[in-house]
C-alpha atoms as a PDB file:
ATOM      1  CA  UNK A   1     -15.956   6.102  18.844  1.00  0.00           C
ATOM      2  CA  UNK A   2     -13.068   5.885  21.267  1.00  0.00           C
ATOM      3  CA  UNK A   3      -9.836   7.897  21.212  1.00  0.00           C
ATOM      4  CA  UNK A   4      -6.669   5.904  21.843  1.00  0.00           C
ATOM      5  CA  UNK A   5      -3.251   7.351  22.668  1.00  0.00           C
ATOM      6  CA  UNK A   6       0.171   5.807  22.068  1.00  0.00           C
ATOM      7  CA  UNK A   7       3.608   7.248  22.658  1.00  0.00           C
ATOM      8  CA  UNK A   8       7.215   6.318  21.919  1.00  0.00           C
ATOM      9  CA  UNK A   9      10.515   8.060  22.539  1.00  0.00           C
ATOM     10  CA  UNK A  10      12.949   7.749  19.666  1.00  0.00           C
ATOM     11  CA  UNK A  11      16.646   8.544  19.929  1.00  0.00           C
ATOM     12  CA  UNK A  12      16.702  10.678  16.791  1.00  0.00           C
ATOM     13  CA  UNK A  13      15.962  14.323  16.014  1.00  0.00           C
ATOM     14  CA  UNK A  14      12.266  14.978  15.530  1.00  0.00           C
ATOM     15  CA  UNK A  15      12.971  16.210  11.982  1.00  0.00           C
ATOM     16  CA  UNK A  16      14.379  12.750  11.178  1.00  0.00           C
ATOM     17  CA  UNK A  17      11.439  10.971  12.826  1.00  0.00           C
ATOM     18  CA  UNK A  18       8.962  13.172  10.952  1.00  0.00           C
ATOM     19  CA  UNK A  19      10.721  12.639   7.608  1.00  0.00           C
ATOM     20  CA  UNK A  20      11.050   8.873   8.094  1.00  0.00           C
ATOM     21  CA  UNK A  21       7.428   8.437   9.145  1.00  0.00           C
ATOM     22  CA  UNK A  22       6.077  10.243   6.067  1.00  0.00           C
ATOM     23  CA  UNK A  23       8.632   8.956   3.554  1.00  0.00           C
ATOM     24  CA  UNK A  24       7.132   6.415   1.133  1.00  0.00           C
ATOM     25  CA  UNK A  25       9.730   3.734   1.959  1.00  0.00           C
ATOM     26  CA  UNK A  26       9.748   4.457   5.694  1.00  0.00           C
ATOM     27  CA  UNK A  27       5.950   4.332   5.744  1.00  0.00           C
ATOM     28  CA  UNK A  28       6.014   0.826   4.230  1.00  0.00           C
ATOM     29  CA  UNK A  29       8.376  -0.353   6.981  1.00  0.00           C
ATOM     30  CA  UNK A  30       6.557   0.929  10.059  1.00  0.00           C
ATOM     31  CA  UNK A  31       3.021   0.261   8.817  1.00  0.00           C
ATOM     32  CA  UNK A  32       3.850  -3.389   8.096  1.00  0.00           C
ATOM     33  CA  UNK A  33       2.603  -4.029  11.648  1.00  0.00           C
ATOM     34  CA  UNK A  34      -0.921  -3.234  10.410  1.00  0.00           C
ATOM     35  CA  UNK A  35      -0.660  -4.918   7.011  1.00  0.00           C
ATOM     36  CA  UNK A  36       2.484  -6.105   5.290  1.00  0.00           C
ATOM     37  CA  UNK A  37       2.845  -4.195   2.043  1.00  0.00           C
ATOM     38  CA  UNK A  38       0.891  -1.117   3.163  1.00  0.00           C
ATOM     39  CA  UNK A  39       1.525   2.047   1.195  1.00  0.00           C
ATOM     40  CA  UNK A  40       0.054   5.476   0.608  1.00  0.00           C
ATOM     41  CA  UNK A  41      -0.937   7.317  -2.534  1.00  0.00           C
ATOM     42  CA  UNK A  42      -1.345  11.063  -2.518  1.00  0.00           C
ATOM     43  CA  UNK A  43       0.189  13.999  -0.721  1.00  0.00           C
ATOM     44  CA  UNK A  44       0.918  14.955   2.882  1.00  0.00           C
ATOM     45  CA  UNK A  45       0.206  18.622   2.066  1.00  0.00           C
ATOM     46  CA  UNK A  46      -2.530  20.299   4.143  1.00  0.00           C
ATOM     47  CA  UNK A  47      -5.913  19.843   2.467  1.00  0.00           C
ATOM     48  CA  UNK A  48      -4.641  17.106   0.144  1.00  0.00           C
ATOM     49  CA  UNK A  49      -6.390  13.807  -0.421  1.00  0.00           C
ATOM     50  CA  UNK A  50      -4.425  10.712   0.514  1.00  0.00           C
ATOM     51  CA  UNK A  51      -5.167   6.983   0.301  1.00  0.00           C
ATOM     52  CA  UNK A  52      -3.749   4.496   2.820  1.00  0.00           C
ATOM     53  CA  UNK A  53      -3.811   1.146   1.071  1.00  0.00           C
ATOM     54  CA  UNK A  54      -3.144  -2.567   1.440  1.00  0.00           C
ATOM     55  CA  UNK A  55      -1.417  -4.441  -1.409  1.00  0.00           C
ATOM     56  CA  UNK A  56      -4.899  -5.309  -2.736  1.00  0.00           C
ATOM     57  CA  UNK A  57      -5.561  -1.585  -3.281  1.00  0.00           C
ATOM     58  CA  UNK A  58      -8.281  -1.511  -0.624  1.00  0.00           C
ATOM     59  CA  UNK A  59      -7.958   0.820   2.342  1.00  0.00           C
ATOM     60  CA  UNK A  60      -8.848   4.271   3.590  1.00  0.00           C
ATOM     61  CA  UNK A  61      -9.430   7.620   1.936  1.00  0.00           C
ATOM     62  CA  UNK A  62      -8.419  10.633   3.988  1.00  0.00           C
ATOM     63  CA  UNK A  63      -7.494  14.280   3.880  1.00  0.00           C
ATOM     64  CA  UNK A  64      -4.495  15.884   5.540  1.00  0.00           C
ATOM     65  CA  UNK A  65      -6.202  18.225   8.000  1.00  0.00           C
ATOM     66  CA  UNK A  66      -2.946  19.746   9.185  1.00  0.00           C
ATOM     67  CA  UNK A  67       0.772  19.297   8.551  1.00  0.00           C
ATOM     68  CA  UNK A  68       3.271  21.377  10.503  1.00  0.00           C
ATOM     69  CA  UNK A  69       6.677  19.951   9.523  1.00  0.00           C
ATOM     70  CA  UNK A  70       8.586  18.337  12.385  1.00  0.00           C
ATOM     71  CA  UNK A  71       5.730  19.174  14.812  1.00  0.00           C
ATOM     72  CA  UNK A  72       2.295  17.790  13.985  1.00  0.00           C
ATOM     73  CA  UNK A  73       0.271  15.864  11.395  1.00  0.00           C
ATOM     74  CA  UNK A  74      -3.501  15.449  11.533  1.00  0.00           C
ATOM     75  CA  UNK A  75      -5.224  12.976   9.221  1.00  0.00           C
ATOM     76  CA  UNK A  76      -8.999  13.244   8.728  1.00  0.00           C
ATOM     77  CA  UNK A  77     -10.249   9.821   7.633  1.00  0.00           C
ATOM     78  CA  UNK A  78     -13.219  10.244   5.326  1.00  0.00           C
ATOM     79  CA  UNK A  79     -14.065   6.762   4.137  1.00  0.00           C
ATOM     80  CA  UNK A  80     -12.953   3.535   2.560  1.00  0.00           C
ATOM     81  CA  UNK A  81     -11.554   2.421  -0.776  1.00  0.00           C
ATOM     82  CA  UNK A  82     -12.898  -0.923  -2.023  1.00  0.00           C
ATOM     83  CA  UNK A  83     -12.175  -2.330  -5.470  1.00  0.00           C
ATOM     84  CA  UNK A  84     -10.768   1.044  -6.493  1.00  0.00           C
ATOM     85  CA  UNK A  85     -13.936   2.937  -5.512  1.00  0.00           C
ATOM     86  CA  UNK A  86     -14.070   5.543  -2.733  1.00  0.00           C
ATOM     87  CA  UNK A  87     -16.972   5.287  -0.293  1.00  0.00           C
ATOM     88  CA  UNK A  88     -17.497   8.427   1.771  1.00  0.00           C
ATOM     89  CA  UNK A  89     -21.294   8.450   1.879  1.00  0.00           C
ATOM     90  CA  UNK A  90     -22.623   4.994   2.802  1.00  0.00           C
ATOM     91  CA  UNK A  91     -24.357   4.528   6.145  1.00  0.00           C
ATOM     92  CA  UNK A  92     -21.496   2.266   7.225  1.00  0.00           C
ATOM     93  CA  UNK A  93     -18.923   5.034   6.626  1.00  0.00           C
ATOM     94  CA  UNK A  94     -21.094   7.872   7.906  1.00  0.00           C
ATOM     95  CA  UNK A  95     -21.378   5.985  11.209  1.00  0.00           C
ATOM     96  CA  UNK A  96     -17.716   6.788  11.940  1.00  0.00           C
ATOM     97  CA  UNK A  97     -16.430   9.419   9.515  1.00  0.00           C
ATOM     98  CA  UNK A  98     -14.744  11.691   9.972  1.00  0.00           C
ATOM     99  CA  UNK A  99     -12.244  10.038  12.294  1.00  0.00           C
ATOM    100  CA  UNK A 100      -8.898  11.585  13.185  1.00  0.00           C
ATOM    101  CA  UNK A 101      -5.387  10.206  13.505  1.00  0.00           C
ATOM    102  CA  UNK A 102      -2.945  12.756  14.928  1.00  0.00           C
ATOM    103  CA  UNK A 103       0.826  12.680  15.369  1.00  0.00           C
ATOM    104  CA  UNK A 104       2.630  15.133  17.692  1.00  0.00           C
ATOM    105  CA  UNK A 105       6.438  15.321  17.597  1.00  0.00           C
ATOM    106  CA  UNK A 106       8.069  16.789  20.707  1.00  0.00           C
ATOM    107  CA  UNK A 107      11.671  17.205  21.761  1.00  0.00           C
ATOM    108  CA  UNK A 108      12.894  14.729  24.352  1.00  0.00           C
ATOM    109  CA  UNK A 109      16.327  14.188  25.885  1.00  0.00           C
ATOM    110  CA  UNK A 110      18.526  12.967  22.998  1.00  0.00           C
ATOM    111  CA  UNK A 111      15.591  12.653  20.656  1.00  0.00           C
ATOM    112  CA  UNK A 112      11.885  12.925  20.049  1.00  0.00           C
ATOM    113  CA  UNK A 113       8.709  11.752  21.709  1.00  0.00           C
ATOM    114  CA  UNK A 114       6.029  10.873  19.194  1.00  0.00           C
ATOM    115  CA  UNK A 115       2.476  10.827  20.562  1.00  0.00           C
ATOM    116  CA  UNK A 116      -0.322   9.383  18.464  1.00  0.00           C
ATOM    117  CA  UNK A 117      -4.022   9.891  19.145  1.00  0.00           C
ATOM    118  CA  UNK A 118      -6.599   8.188  16.970  1.00  0.00           C
ATOM    119  CA  UNK A 119     -10.314   7.643  16.830  1.00  0.00           C
ATOM    120  CA  UNK A 120     -11.385   4.034  16.505  1.00  0.00           C
ATOM    121  CA  UNK A 121     -14.545   1.983  16.524  1.00  0.00           C
ATOM    122  CA  UNK A 122     -15.001  -0.583  19.324  1.00  0.00           C
ATOM    123  CA  UNK A 123     -14.552  -3.492  16.907  1.00  0.00           C
ATOM    124  CA  UNK A 124     -11.031  -2.241  16.006  1.00  0.00           C
ATOM    125  CA  UNK A 125      -9.860  -1.254  19.486  1.00  0.00           C
ATOM    126  CA  UNK A 126      -8.142  -4.557  20.326  1.00  0.00           C
ATOM    127  CA  UNK A 127      -6.394  -4.583  16.950  1.00  0.00           C
ATOM    128  CA  UNK A 128      -5.147  -1.021  17.449  1.00  0.00           C
ATOM    129  CA  UNK A 129      -4.060  -1.706  21.043  1.00  0.00           C
ATOM    130  CA  UNK A 130      -1.976  -4.625  19.781  1.00  0.00           C
ATOM    131  CA  UNK A 131      -0.579  -3.282  16.524  1.00  0.00           C
ATOM    132  CA  UNK A 132       0.079   0.420  17.199  1.00  0.00           C
ATOM    133  CA  UNK A 133       2.849  -0.299  19.736  1.00  0.00           C
ATOM    134  CA  UNK A 134       4.352  -2.744  17.214  1.00  0.00           C
ATOM    135  CA  UNK A 135       4.206  -0.126  14.459  1.00  0.00           C
ATOM    136  CA  UNK A 136       5.843   2.503  16.671  1.00  0.00           C
ATOM    137  CA  UNK A 137       8.563   0.006  17.634  1.00  0.00           C
ATOM    138  CA  UNK A 138       9.264  -0.516  13.918  1.00  0.00           C
ATOM    139  CA  UNK A 139       9.437   3.258  13.366  1.00  0.00           C
ATOM    140  CA  UNK A 140      11.763   3.607  16.367  1.00  0.00           C
ATOM    141  CA  UNK A 141      14.088   0.883  15.054  1.00  0.00           C
ATOM    142  CA  UNK A 142      14.104   2.457  11.602  1.00  0.00           C
ATOM    143  CA  UNK A 143      14.936   5.926  12.949  1.00  0.00           C
ATOM    144  CA  UNK A 144      17.578   4.669  15.376  1.00  0.00           C
ATOM    145  CA  UNK A 145      19.551   2.615  12.839  1.00  0.00           C
ATOM    146  CA  UNK A 146      23.200   3.688  12.722  1.00  0.00           C
ATOM    147  CA  UNK A 147      22.835   4.562   9.018  1.00  0.00           C
ATOM    148  CA  UNK A 148      19.594   6.552   9.537  1.00  0.00           C
ATOM    149  CA  UNK A 149      19.764  10.152   8.349  1.00  0.00           C
END
């Protein structure tokens, strides 16, 4: 497993970046870089289960390891969802789970720097290296819109 790091500075208050990133509609916008139509089901509360899903309903099952509003979110990926069934125990999943995806929100001049660290398998590294900067660019554009809150 390899840990990747990505960062973007967004000209918006970190509270707005945090809220936009976790908002159901905002999430759909910025995660379209990974899969158009992505959505989540569940809660961002610490300890809560959450599913990150493609339009087909397949995706990832995770738990919110930590959520400090406007500061930090840690997602503990536990397995996969396929055909509506969670898999957290197969050999395939146990080879990588748990894996973490962490978001740190820090003040920056006129805005916020968002730093993402995530664990990934070698076979997904190229995909993540390509799509994470695209996803963060979408989040930045969303947060910096003139009508953004």
